[in-house]
Protein backbone atom coordinates (compact mmCIF):
# COMPACT_ATOMS: atom_id res chain seq x y z
CA MET A 1 105.58 232.68 173.26
CA ALA A 2 101.86 233.07 173.41
CA HIS A 3 101.48 236.88 173.69
CA ASN A 4 97.95 238.03 173.59
CA GLN A 5 96.91 234.87 171.60
CA LYS A 6 92.85 234.19 171.82
CA CYS A 7 90.34 232.78 170.27
CA TYR A 8 89.01 234.74 167.46
CA GLN A 9 85.01 234.87 167.37
CA GLU A 10 83.37 232.70 164.45
CA HIS A 11 81.01 234.07 161.69
CA GLY A 12 80.00 233.47 158.69
CA PHE A 13 77.32 233.63 155.92
CA THR A 14 75.72 231.88 152.79
CA LEU A 15 76.42 233.58 149.37
CA LYS A 16 75.32 231.22 146.00
CA ASP A 17 74.90 228.16 148.23
CA LYS A 18 78.43 228.41 149.62
CA TYR A 19 78.83 229.19 153.35
CA PHE A 20 81.82 231.99 153.54
CA LYS A 21 83.35 231.53 157.21
CA TYR A 22 85.45 234.11 158.54
CA TYR A 23 86.67 235.17 161.88
CA LEU A 24 86.56 238.15 164.25
CA SER A 25 89.05 240.05 166.55
CA PRO A 26 87.30 240.48 169.83
CA LEU A 27 88.89 244.00 170.41
CA LEU A 28 88.15 245.05 166.76
CA PHE A 29 84.35 243.52 167.05
CA LYS A 30 84.05 245.03 170.60
CA ASN A 31 84.78 248.57 169.47
CA ASN A 32 82.33 248.35 166.29
CA PHE A 33 84.87 247.92 163.30
CA LYS A 34 83.58 245.88 160.73
CA HIS A 35 86.50 243.51 159.81
CA GLY A 36 87.04 240.14 158.87
CA PHE A 37 89.65 237.41 158.31
CA PHE A 38 88.29 234.89 155.96
CA THR A 39 89.24 231.39 155.48
CA LYS A 40 90.05 229.52 152.36
CA THR A 41 86.26 229.46 151.45
CA SER A 42 87.06 232.95 149.71
CA SER A 43 89.06 232.29 147.22
CA GLU A 44 85.68 230.52 145.55
CA ILE A 45 83.50 233.69 144.39
CA LYS A 46 84.85 236.85 142.92
CA LEU A 47 86.25 239.40 145.39
CA SER A 48 83.28 241.82 143.79
CA PHE A 49 80.42 239.43 144.95
CA LEU A 50 82.07 239.13 148.22
CA SER A 51 82.56 242.61 149.03
CA ASN A 52 79.06 243.61 147.76
CA TYR A 53 77.46 241.37 150.13
CA ILE A 54 79.75 242.93 153.25
CA ASN A 55 79.59 247.04 152.39
CA LYS A 56 77.11 247.11 149.31
CA ASN A 57 78.49 250.83 148.87
CA ASN A 58 81.95 250.84 149.60
CA ARG A 59 84.44 251.21 147.14
CA ASP A 60 87.40 248.08 147.36
CA CYS A 61 91.23 248.72 147.59
CA VAL A 62 93.32 246.17 146.44
CA LEU A 63 96.62 245.97 145.98
CA ASN A 64 99.53 243.62 144.38
CA GLN A 65 101.43 242.50 147.39
CA ILE A 66 105.20 242.63 146.51
CA HIS A 67 106.81 241.67 150.40
CA SER A 68 107.56 245.16 150.66
CA ASN A 69 107.16 247.95 153.61
CA ARG A 70 105.29 250.24 151.02
CA ILE A 71 101.83 252.06 152.42
CA VAL A 72 99.60 253.50 150.20
CA PHE A 73 96.24 255.49 151.04
CA GLY A 74 93.18 253.88 149.40
CA THR A 75 92.27 256.48 146.93
CA LYS A 76 95.94 255.21 145.02
CA THR A 77 94.09 251.88 143.88
CA GLU A 78 91.43 253.17 142.01
CA GLY A 79 93.22 253.19 138.86
CA ASN A 80 93.08 250.80 136.50
CA GLU A 81 96.23 248.84 137.46
CA LYS A 82 97.28 247.19 141.00
CA VAL A 83 99.34 249.06 142.70
CA GLU A 84 102.43 247.13 144.14
CA ALA A 85 102.53 247.53 148.27
CA ASP A 86 102.02 245.48 151.21
CA GLY A 87 99.83 248.27 153.46
CA LEU A 88 96.42 250.43 152.86
CA ILE A 89 95.30 252.82 154.99
CA ASN A 90 91.93 254.63 154.35
CA ASP A 91 91.57 258.13 153.50
CA LYS A 92 88.06 258.42 152.90
CA GLN A 93 84.45 257.03 154.22
CA ASN A 94 83.26 253.98 152.61
CA GLN A 95 86.41 252.21 151.44
CA THR A 96 87.19 248.58 152.40
CA LEU A 97 90.94 247.58 152.56
CA TRP A 98 91.23 243.96 151.54
CA ILE A 99 94.72 241.54 152.06
CA TYR A 100 95.30 238.31 151.26
CA THR A 101 97.89 235.83 152.90
CA ALA A 102 98.74 232.19 152.87
CA ASP A 103 101.02 231.76 156.11
CA CYS A 104 102.10 235.47 156.31
CA MET A 105 100.08 237.47 158.91
CA PRO A 106 97.42 239.98 158.00
CA ILE A 107 97.32 242.56 160.42
CA LEU A 108 94.45 245.17 161.05
CA PHE A 109 94.55 248.66 162.53
CA ALA A 110 91.86 250.72 163.85
CA ASP A 111 91.90 254.15 165.61
CA LYS A 112 88.82 254.08 168.08
CA ARG A 113 88.79 257.67 168.48
CA LYS A 114 89.54 259.07 164.73
CA ARG A 115 87.91 256.05 163.24
CA CYS A 116 90.80 255.48 160.75
CA VAL A 117 91.30 251.89 159.76
CA ALA A 118 94.30 250.11 157.71
CA ALA A 119 96.06 246.55 156.99
CA ILE A 120 99.23 244.79 156.09
CA HIS A 121 100.26 242.19 154.47
CA CYS A 122 103.28 240.96 156.64
CA GLY A 123 105.31 237.81 156.87
CA ARG A 124 109.43 237.10 157.69
CA LYS A 125 110.45 239.78 154.99
CA GLY A 126 107.82 242.35 156.13
CA LEU A 127 109.16 242.14 159.95
CA GLU A 128 112.70 242.67 158.54
CA ILE A 129 111.91 245.82 156.76
CA LYS A 130 109.88 247.19 159.22
CA ILE A 131 106.35 247.47 157.52
CA ILE A 132 104.68 247.64 160.96
CA LYS A 133 106.78 250.70 162.22
CA ASN A 134 106.43 252.39 158.60
CA LEU A 135 102.36 251.81 158.79
CA ILE A 136 102.46 253.10 162.30
CA LYS A 137 104.26 256.15 161.55
CA LYS A 138 102.29 257.39 158.78
CA LEU A 139 98.71 256.41 160.98
CA TYR A 140 100.93 259.01 163.50
CA SER A 141 101.12 261.81 160.96
CA LYS A 142 97.42 261.37 160.23
CA GLY A 143 96.53 262.31 164.05
CA CYS A 144 96.26 258.46 165.35
CA SER A 145 97.53 258.30 168.77
CA ASN A 146 99.14 255.07 170.84
CA GLU A 147 96.37 255.05 173.04
CA ASP A 148 93.85 254.76 170.33
CA LEU A 149 95.24 252.71 168.07
CA LEU A 150 93.94 248.88 168.42
CA VAL A 151 95.47 245.89 166.56
CA ALA A 152 94.83 242.73 165.44
CA ILE A 153 97.17 240.28 164.18
CA GLY A 154 95.13 237.47 162.07
CA PRO A 155 95.61 233.67 161.38
CA SER A 156 99.14 233.04 160.16
CA ILE A 157 101.73 229.99 160.46
CA SER A 158 102.67 229.10 163.63
CA LYS A 159 106.22 229.03 165.49
CA LYS A 160 105.95 225.03 165.35
CA ASN A 161 105.81 224.70 161.31
CA TYR A 162 107.94 228.00 160.58
CA LEU A 163 111.44 226.34 160.23
CA ILE A 164 113.88 228.31 158.91
CA ASP A 165 118.31 227.53 158.22
CA ASN A 166 120.53 228.91 161.06
CA LYS A 167 122.20 232.31 158.88
CA THR A 168 118.35 233.08 157.80
CA LEU A 169 117.41 233.23 161.52
CA GLN A 170 121.19 235.21 162.08
CA ASN A 171 120.09 237.96 159.24
CA PHE A 172 116.75 237.96 160.94
CA HIS A 173 117.81 239.22 164.50
CA LYS A 174 120.28 241.79 162.66
CA GLN A 175 117.89 243.02 160.91
CA THR A 176 115.25 243.24 163.71
CA ALA A 177 117.21 244.88 166.35
CA HIS A 178 114.39 245.48 169.16
CA LYS A 179 114.66 248.63 171.11
CA LYS A 180 112.70 246.60 174.13
CA SER A 181 113.89 243.03 173.54
CA ILE A 182 117.56 242.31 172.30
CA SER A 183 118.55 243.87 175.55
CA ARG A 184 116.73 241.08 177.55
CA PRO A 185 118.17 237.90 178.86
CA ASP A 186 116.02 235.82 176.58
CA ASP A 187 117.07 237.36 173.53
CA ARG A 188 120.89 237.38 173.91
CA ARG A 189 120.19 233.78 175.32
CA ILE A 190 118.64 233.10 171.60
CA LEU A 191 121.82 234.79 169.62
CA LEU A 192 124.10 232.84 171.17
CA GLU A 193 122.15 229.17 170.82
CA LEU A 194 121.76 230.46 166.65
CA GLN A 195 125.79 229.14 166.55
CA LYS A 196 124.75 225.89 167.77
CA LYS A 197 121.92 224.76 165.61
CA THR A 198 121.57 224.31 161.61
CA SER A 199 117.86 225.11 161.79
CA VAL A 200 115.36 226.58 164.46
CA HIS A 201 111.48 227.67 164.35
CA LEU A 202 110.80 231.58 164.22
CA ASN A 203 107.56 232.71 165.69
CA LEU A 204 106.45 235.19 163.77
CA LYS A 205 103.65 236.45 165.76
CA LYS A 206 105.79 236.99 168.85
CA TYR A 207 108.38 239.59 166.62
CA ALA A 208 105.28 241.41 165.22
CA TYR A 209 104.08 241.78 168.65
CA ILE A 210 107.50 243.30 170.39
CA GLN A 211 107.41 245.42 166.87
CA LEU A 212 104.08 246.86 168.26
CA LEU A 213 105.23 247.30 171.87
CA ASP A 214 108.61 249.10 170.21
CA GLU A 215 106.14 251.21 168.81
CA ASN A 216 104.36 251.84 172.07
CA ILE A 217 101.22 250.37 171.14
CA PRO A 218 100.05 249.19 174.69
CA ASN A 219 99.53 245.55 175.18
CA SER A 220 95.75 246.10 176.23
CA ASN A 221 95.58 247.47 172.62
CA ILE A 222 96.53 244.15 170.55
CA ASP A 223 94.64 241.10 169.97
CA ILE A 224 96.87 237.78 168.29
CA SER A 225 94.74 234.93 167.10
CA ASN A 226 96.03 231.41 168.02
CA LEU A 227 95.22 229.50 164.58
CA CYS A 228 97.98 228.49 162.72
CA THR A 229 97.18 228.04 158.94
CA PHE A 230 99.44 225.51 158.49
CA ASP A 231 97.44 223.37 161.00
CA SER A 232 94.23 223.87 159.67
CA ASN A 233 94.35 222.47 156.39
CA HIS A 234 90.31 222.22 156.30
CA GLU A 235 89.96 226.02 156.88
CA PHE A 236 92.81 227.97 155.35
CA PHE A 237 95.77 228.12 152.40
CA SER A 238 99.64 227.44 153.43
CA TRP A 239 102.11 228.22 150.88
CA ARG A 240 104.69 225.86 153.39
CA ARG A 241 102.44 222.94 153.62
CA SER A 242 101.20 222.59 149.89
CA LYS A 243 103.04 225.66 147.88
CA THR A 244 99.70 226.84 146.99
CA PRO A 245 99.12 229.79 144.89
CA SER A 246 95.64 230.12 146.60
CA ARG A 247 94.79 232.84 149.50
CA GLN A 248 92.23 234.00 151.48
CA TRP A 249 90.91 237.18 152.19
CA THR A 250 91.26 239.71 155.18
CA PHE A 251 89.30 243.10 155.41
CA ILE A 252 88.77 246.23 157.09
CA SER A 253 86.12 248.76 156.08
CA SER A 254 86.43 252.92 157.24
């Protein structure tokens, strides 16, 4: 299933004699949101240097990510200790929200009318505990609307490279009961086929897309990168490929 998957625009810059490549969502770029999905080179320099080049006067908002559905506002990250959460929403101008990943999905949100931005780290666990739903609920409470919300899912592991056991997948389907998906013939067929297989491939991007539709985000407001972190060894870190502790950065600025 390749819902809205497309080629993101490649960009880059040289800093301290190193070239830092990143990708842009066509949808966010068209609507003038400053953002970027960096490749593995972003781990080769201190975040403060990287951020200063991108937005010299912005305040960085960084989390200690724990595979939760907790969302915090940018100013909550201003203390000396990193806040444990997996989602950020700006609550001031001149904030840069940072997410780090290595197979999980970095997902950026932006309201084109209110100019509010948000970012989440979302993998299988995040989908199960509905971090997308939690974030969008908070954005709606801030006055954002589904018609104005733009969403960009960045480079992450593809279906063919994400193999899980039968029991894990059955639990995933139970936890992610979708208003608009579970009643469809294709999804009933999948549940029946689970009983016949010992392991199956899971499409994280597909289920993130479905959860966005469940929250009434229009199809035309969703971008999905076709880049796979597992396949692109020269560009991205992948936990599934090499069990690396390294991560690549993603940002969006208010």
